[in-house]
Protein backbone atom coordinates (compact mmCIF):
# COMPACT_ATOMS: atom_id res chain seq x y z
CA UNK A 1 -1.68 23.89 -14.96
CA UNK A 2 1.66 25.38 -15.92
CA UNK A 3 3.59 24.04 -18.89
CA UNK A 4 7.27 23.78 -19.65
CA UNK A 5 6.90 26.23 -22.50
CA UNK A 6 5.77 28.94 -20.08
CA UNK A 7 8.65 28.25 -17.70
CA UNK A 8 6.79 25.87 -15.41
CA UNK A 9 7.34 22.21 -14.53
CA UNK A 10 6.08 19.52 -16.94
CA UNK A 11 2.28 19.35 -16.50
CA UNK A 12 0.82 16.24 -14.88
CA UNK A 13 -0.96 14.30 -17.61
CA UNK A 14 -0.14 10.64 -16.92
CA UNK A 15 -0.97 8.03 -14.31
CA UNK A 16 1.95 5.88 -13.21
CA UNK A 17 2.00 2.18 -12.38
CA UNK A 18 4.26 -0.81 -13.00
CA UNK A 19 2.21 -1.85 -16.02
CA UNK A 20 2.55 1.36 -18.02
CA UNK A 21 6.06 2.38 -16.99
CA UNK A 22 7.55 -0.14 -19.42
CA UNK A 23 6.61 2.05 -22.37
CA UNK A 24 8.68 5.02 -21.20
CA UNK A 25 11.91 5.96 -22.99
CA UNK A 26 15.38 5.15 -21.69
CA UNK A 27 16.32 8.82 -21.97
CA UNK A 28 17.59 11.57 -19.64
CA UNK A 29 14.64 13.59 -18.40
CA UNK A 30 13.26 16.06 -15.92
CA UNK A 31 9.94 14.98 -14.48
CA UNK A 32 7.27 16.32 -12.13
CA UNK A 33 4.54 14.79 -9.98
CA UNK A 34 1.30 16.67 -9.19
CA UNK A 35 -1.80 16.23 -7.06
CA UNK A 36 -4.57 17.51 -9.30
CA UNK A 37 -7.69 16.71 -7.26
CA UNK A 38 -8.91 18.78 -4.32
CA UNK A 39 -10.29 15.73 -2.47
CA UNK A 40 -6.87 14.06 -2.70
CA UNK A 41 -5.25 17.13 -1.16
CA UNK A 42 -7.67 16.85 1.76
CA UNK A 43 -6.85 13.16 2.22
CA UNK A 44 -3.19 14.12 2.54
CA UNK A 45 -3.77 17.21 4.69
CA UNK A 46 -2.19 19.54 2.12
CA UNK A 47 -3.28 23.15 1.71
CA UNK A 48 -4.87 23.81 -1.70
CA UNK A 49 -6.06 24.79 -4.10
CA UNK A 50 -5.28 22.01 -6.55
CA UNK A 51 -3.17 21.38 -8.51
CA UNK A 52 -0.19 21.18 -6.15
CA UNK A 53 3.30 20.41 -7.39
CA UNK A 54 4.60 17.49 -5.33
CA UNK A 55 8.06 16.88 -6.73
CA UNK A 56 10.53 17.78 -9.47
CA UNK A 57 13.32 15.34 -10.27
CA UNK A 58 16.03 14.58 -12.81
CA UNK A 59 17.22 11.24 -14.14
CA UNK A 60 19.56 9.76 -16.72
CA UNK A 61 16.92 7.11 -17.53
CA UNK A 62 13.24 8.04 -17.28
CA UNK A 63 11.98 4.45 -17.44
CA UNK A 64 14.22 3.24 -14.61
CA UNK A 65 13.51 6.20 -12.32
CA UNK A 66 9.73 6.18 -12.74
CA UNK A 67 9.66 2.42 -12.25
CA UNK A 68 11.23 3.08 -8.86
CA UNK A 69 8.63 5.73 -8.09
CA UNK A 70 5.91 3.23 -9.03
CA UNK A 71 7.40 0.72 -6.58
CA UNK A 72 8.38 2.98 -3.67
CA UNK A 73 6.10 5.70 -2.30
CA UNK A 74 7.51 8.76 -0.59
CA UNK A 75 7.79 8.20 3.15
CA UNK A 76 7.04 11.89 3.73
CA UNK A 77 3.79 11.50 1.82
CA UNK A 78 2.93 8.49 3.99
CA UNK A 79 3.34 10.77 7.02
CA UNK A 80 0.92 13.29 5.55
CA UNK A 81 -1.65 10.64 4.62
CA UNK A 82 -1.33 8.93 8.00
CA UNK A 83 -1.91 12.21 9.84
CA UNK A 84 -5.38 12.32 8.25
CA UNK A 85 -6.14 8.66 9.01
CA UNK A 86 -6.03 7.86 5.28
CA UNK A 87 -3.60 4.98 5.82
CA UNK A 88 -1.47 3.24 8.44
CA UNK A 89 1.51 5.20 9.80
CA UNK A 90 5.00 3.97 8.87
CA UNK A 91 7.07 4.74 11.97
CA UNK A 92 9.62 2.24 10.63
CA UNK A 93 11.01 5.04 8.47
CA UNK A 94 12.34 6.62 11.70
CA UNK A 95 13.57 3.40 13.29
CA UNK A 96 17.18 2.36 13.67
CA UNK A 97 17.55 -0.01 10.73
CA UNK A 98 20.60 -1.76 12.24
CA UNK A 99 21.89 -2.18 8.68
CA UNK A 100 24.60 -0.09 7.03
CA UNK A 101 23.29 2.10 4.22
CA UNK A 102 19.78 3.12 3.25
CA UNK A 103 18.60 -0.01 1.42
CA UNK A 104 17.21 -1.94 4.38
CA UNK A 105 14.14 -3.87 3.26
CA UNK A 106 10.99 -2.72 5.08
CA UNK A 107 9.35 -5.25 7.41
CA UNK A 108 5.80 -6.40 6.78
CA UNK A 109 4.07 -3.70 8.83
CA UNK A 110 5.86 -0.95 6.92
CA UNK A 111 5.13 -2.82 3.70
CA UNK A 112 1.42 -2.59 4.53
CA UNK A 113 1.70 1.21 4.73
CA UNK A 114 3.70 1.25 1.51
CA UNK A 115 1.09 -0.80 -0.35
CA UNK A 116 -1.65 1.57 0.78
CA UNK A 117 0.43 4.57 -0.26
CA UNK A 118 1.30 3.10 -3.66
CA UNK A 119 -2.39 2.56 -4.38
CA UNK A 120 -3.13 6.15 -3.32
CA UNK A 121 -0.32 7.56 -5.47
CA UNK A 122 -1.42 5.59 -8.52
CA UNK A 123 -4.94 6.92 -8.13
CA UNK A 124 -4.15 10.52 -7.25
CA UNK A 125 -0.78 11.58 -8.68
CA UNK A 126 -0.29 12.75 -12.25
CA UNK A 127 3.13 12.81 -13.86
CA UNK A 128 4.79 14.79 -16.64
CA UNK A 129 8.27 14.85 -18.10
CA UNK A 130 10.51 16.34 -20.73
CA UNK A 131 13.28 14.23 -22.22
CA UNK A 132 16.69 15.52 -23.30
CA UNK A 133 16.06 19.19 -22.40
CA UNK A 134 18.29 21.58 -24.28
CA UNK A 135 19.90 23.03 -21.14
CA UNK A 136 20.51 19.57 -19.63
CA UNK A 137 18.60 17.78 -16.89
CA UNK A 138 20.65 19.19 -13.99
CA UNK A 139 20.31 22.90 -14.81
CA UNK A 140 16.63 22.51 -15.72
CA UNK A 141 15.79 20.66 -12.51
CA UNK A 142 17.60 23.27 -10.43
CA UNK A 143 15.82 26.13 -12.22
CA UNK A 144 12.39 24.57 -11.74
CA UNK A 145 12.93 23.81 -8.06
CA UNK A 146 14.25 27.30 -7.46
CA UNK A 147 11.36 28.97 -9.28
CA UNK A 148 8.51 26.85 -7.90
CA UNK A 149 7.39 25.24 -4.66
CA UNK A 150 7.52 21.44 -4.98
CA UNK A 151 6.20 20.11 -1.69
CA UNK A 152 8.58 17.17 -1.30
CA UNK A 153 11.82 18.61 -2.68
CA UNK A 154 14.19 19.37 0.17
CA UNK A 155 15.32 22.64 -1.37
CA UNK A 156 11.91 23.93 -2.46
CA UNK A 157 11.96 27.72 -2.56
CA UNK A 158 9.59 29.79 -0.49
CA UNK A 159 9.65 27.49 2.55
CA UNK A 160 11.38 28.57 5.76
CA UNK A 161 14.94 27.35 6.06
CA UNK A 162 15.35 23.81 7.40
CA UNK A 163 11.58 23.29 7.64
CA UNK A 164 10.70 19.58 7.36
CA UNK A 165 8.44 18.53 4.50
CA UNK A 166 5.81 17.49 7.02
CA UNK A 167 5.37 21.10 8.17
CA UNK A 168 4.91 22.68 4.73
CA UNK A 169 1.62 23.90 3.22
CA UNK A 170 -0.27 23.53 6.50
CA UNK A 171 -3.26 25.83 5.91
CA UNK A 172 -6.27 24.38 7.78
CA UNK A 173 -4.37 21.22 8.76
CA UNK A 174 -2.46 22.44 11.80
CA UNK A 175 -3.84 19.76 14.10
CA UNK A 176 -2.64 17.08 11.66
CA UNK A 177 0.83 18.62 11.64
CA UNK A 178 0.73 18.82 15.44
CA UNK A 179 -0.20 15.12 15.50
CA UNK A 180 2.84 14.27 13.38
CA UNK A 181 5.28 16.42 15.38
CA UNK A 182 3.91 15.18 18.71
CA UNK A 183 4.49 11.53 17.83
CA UNK A 184 7.80 12.14 16.04
CA UNK A 185 9.03 14.11 19.07
CA UNK A 186 8.27 11.36 21.55
CA UNK A 187 9.77 8.82 19.17
CA UNK A 188 12.95 10.90 19.04
CA UNK A 189 13.13 11.27 22.83
CA UNK A 190 12.78 7.56 23.53
CA UNK A 191 14.86 6.13 20.68
CA UNK A 192 17.64 8.71 20.39
CA UNK A 193 17.78 9.41 24.16
CA UNK A 194 19.20 12.92 23.70
CA UNK A 195 21.10 14.56 26.52
CA UNK A 196 18.94 17.02 28.53
CA UNK A 197 15.77 15.12 27.54
CA UNK A 198 16.39 11.65 29.01
CA UNK A 199 18.27 10.37 32.06
CA UNK A 200 18.44 7.09 33.90
CA UNK A 201 15.80 7.06 36.60
CA UNK A 202 16.79 6.66 40.25
CA UNK A 203 15.24 3.20 40.18
CA UNK A 204 17.21 2.24 37.05
CA UNK A 205 18.43 -1.36 36.84
CA UNK A 206 20.04 -2.86 33.71
CA UNK A 207 17.33 -4.99 32.10
CA UNK A 208 15.34 -5.45 28.93
CA UNK A 209 12.85 -2.91 30.28
CA UNK A 210 15.05 -0.01 31.30
CA UNK A 211 13.64 2.81 33.43
CA UNK A 212 14.36 6.42 32.50
CA UNK A 213 13.31 9.92 33.51
CA UNK A 214 11.57 12.03 30.84
CA UNK A 215 9.60 15.28 31.06
CA UNK A 216 6.59 16.93 29.46
CA UNK A 217 4.72 20.21 29.65
CA UNK A 218 1.06 20.67 30.60
CA UNK A 219 -0.10 19.83 27.06
CA UNK A 220 1.90 16.61 26.82
CA UNK A 221 4.73 17.85 24.60
CA UNK A 222 8.16 16.45 25.53
CA UNK A 223 10.51 19.02 27.06
CA UNK A 224 14.02 18.93 28.52
CA UNK A 225 14.14 17.50 32.02
CA UNK A 226 14.68 20.91 33.65
CA UNK A 227 11.66 22.50 31.93
CA UNK A 228 8.64 20.35 32.78
CA UNK A 229 7.04 17.67 34.91
CA UNK A 230 9.34 14.67 35.22
CA UNK A 231 7.97 11.15 34.76
CA UNK A 232 9.52 7.73 34.89
CA UNK A 233 9.04 5.38 31.96
CA UNK A 234 10.40 2.17 30.56
CA UNK A 235 12.28 2.22 27.28
CA UNK A 236 11.71 -1.14 25.68
CA UNK A 237 13.97 -3.05 23.37
CA UNK A 238 12.47 -4.11 20.03
CA UNK A 239 11.68 -7.66 21.14
CA UNK A 240 9.69 -6.51 24.18
CA UNK A 241 7.90 -3.79 22.22
CA UNK A 242 6.95 -6.27 19.50
CA UNK A 243 5.36 -8.60 22.08
CA UNK A 244 3.09 -5.74 23.17
CA UNK A 245 2.19 -4.77 19.60
CA UNK A 246 1.26 -8.36 18.77
CA UNK A 247 -1.12 -8.41 21.75
CA UNK A 248 -2.97 -5.25 20.66
CA UNK A 249 -2.86 -5.59 16.87
CA UNK A 250 -6.03 -6.29 14.86
CA UNK A 251 -6.19 -9.85 13.59
CA UNK A 252 -5.30 -8.92 10.01
CA UNK A 253 -2.06 -7.24 11.14
CA UNK A 254 -0.77 -9.74 13.71
CA UNK A 255 1.58 -11.49 11.27
CA UNK A 256 2.90 -8.16 9.97
CA UNK A 257 3.47 -6.81 13.48
CA UNK A 258 5.29 -10.01 14.47
CA UNK A 259 7.75 -9.76 11.56
CA UNK A 260 11.26 -9.03 12.83
CA UNK A 261 13.11 -10.51 9.87
CA UNK A 262 14.77 -7.27 8.74
CA UNK A 263 16.58 -6.59 12.00
CA UNK A 264 15.07 -3.11 12.31
CA UNK A 265 13.75 -1.53 15.48
CA UNK A 266 10.31 -0.97 13.97
CA UNK A 267 8.36 -2.14 17.02
CA UNK A 268 10.45 0.01 19.36
CA UNK A 269 9.75 3.01 17.14
CA UNK A 270 6.00 2.32 17.17
CA UNK A 271 6.06 1.85 20.94
CA UNK A 272 7.92 5.12 21.46
CA UNK A 273 5.68 7.18 19.17
CA UNK A 274 2.63 6.67 21.43
CA UNK A 275 4.17 7.04 24.89
CA UNK A 276 3.07 10.69 24.93
CA UNK A 277 -0.62 9.73 24.95
CA UNK A 278 -0.25 9.11 28.69
CA UNK A 279 0.58 12.77 29.25
CA UNK A 280 -2.16 14.42 27.21
CA UNK A 281 -4.98 16.31 28.89
CA UNK A 282 -7.28 13.54 27.59
CA UNK A 283 -4.75 10.89 28.58
CA UNK A 284 -4.91 7.38 27.22
CA UNK A 285 -3.20 4.18 28.40
CA UNK A 286 -0.27 3.27 26.21
CA UNK A 287 -1.66 -0.10 25.10
CA UNK A 288 -4.97 1.53 24.16
CA UNK A 289 -3.10 4.12 22.09
CA UNK A 290 -1.19 1.42 20.22
CA UNK A 291 -4.35 -0.62 19.66
CA UNK A 292 -6.13 2.39 18.18
CA UNK A 293 -3.11 3.36 16.07
CA UNK A 294 -2.80 -0.08 14.46
CA UNK A 295 -6.52 -0.02 13.68
CA UNK A 296 -6.39 3.62 12.45
CA UNK A 297 -9.05 4.28 15.08
CA UNK A 298 -10.18 7.79 15.97
CA UNK A 299 -8.52 7.76 19.40
CA UNK A 300 -5.15 7.19 17.72
CA UNK A 301 -5.25 10.83 16.60
CA UNK A 302 -5.06 12.40 20.04
CA UNK A 303 -2.44 15.11 20.29
CA UNK A 304 -2.23 18.81 21.09
CA UNK A 305 -4.37 20.56 18.49
CA UNK A 306 -1.88 23.32 17.75
CA UNK A 307 1.79 23.41 16.97
CA UNK A 308 3.94 25.13 19.58
CA UNK A 309 5.36 28.46 18.49
CA UNK A 310 8.64 30.34 18.66
CA UNK A 311 11.59 28.82 20.51
CA UNK A 312 9.58 25.79 21.61
CA UNK A 313 8.83 24.79 18.02
CA UNK A 314 12.47 25.33 17.06
CA UNK A 315 13.56 23.13 19.97
CA UNK A 316 11.26 20.30 18.88
CA UNK A 317 12.43 20.57 15.26
CA UNK A 318 16.04 20.29 16.45
CA UNK A 319 14.96 17.25 18.46
CA UNK A 320 13.43 15.35 15.52
CA UNK A 321 15.93 16.27 12.79
CA UNK A 322 18.43 13.51 13.76
CA UNK A 323 15.76 10.82 13.30
CA UNK A 324 16.79 8.25 10.67
CA UNK A 325 14.81 8.70 7.49
CA UNK A 326 13.48 12.19 8.14
CA UNK A 327 12.79 13.88 4.78
CA UNK A 328 13.42 10.76 2.70
């Protein structure tokens, strides 16, 4: 693994958890997180070989920043792990939080995903740092990000411009990336209701269950209304969506699914993410798709097996970029 002395990021030598973070210095630092095990890369659907640099960051207080990393997993990493069935998806990260700012507390279902991800990070990530670098933490961080390819840094060099973290280092995991983009795209269509993609259906009546026209292509990908087969669908409010999720959730998740205490639209986001299963070549009823997704069952991972290419991929990326929480 590269070392700081040879111009590389700090090598990953340390596990991180809330118990051992207390011994870290209260000093400015540049730090790095690595995946060092090939099996862990596979669990996250990340092209190898190991080690892979996950992240490079700077901080004015190493102890405080790494304590936060020990408490809060990366939502992007949850997406990658969920695409492989390693843990429960966290579609809450794309929901309308209905709260000003970015500090909305996650509801219990999202907390379940976070707990699984924290355990995975503690087991599989290795951390390194350098305190009080001679050139300062800002210049050193910028140099390391520019020179290397940290997977989760937004400005990582070597990746195509504006490419989301979830579509980096794909390698043999294209179907997993297609799974993520398929569900994120349908979530965006039904929660953001972008012009050209959604319109009130002829049978529309103001109600909790509002009816809209949407469109898809032959493979089930959402498309603008003028470019595919038009379907009519309900767009549920969060209360109605949560009632459905409670009905299909496994027993151990019923209480978490029922939690609406944070005021987020988590259930509506979950509901929207799986609408597209109805339009796949191996179509699946919506309730069955949600039931499988909450249980991390195999049929939850239905999606087109390849990413679209060219203008179609660009169009879908433009569709999902406005989602709250993308690349957080």
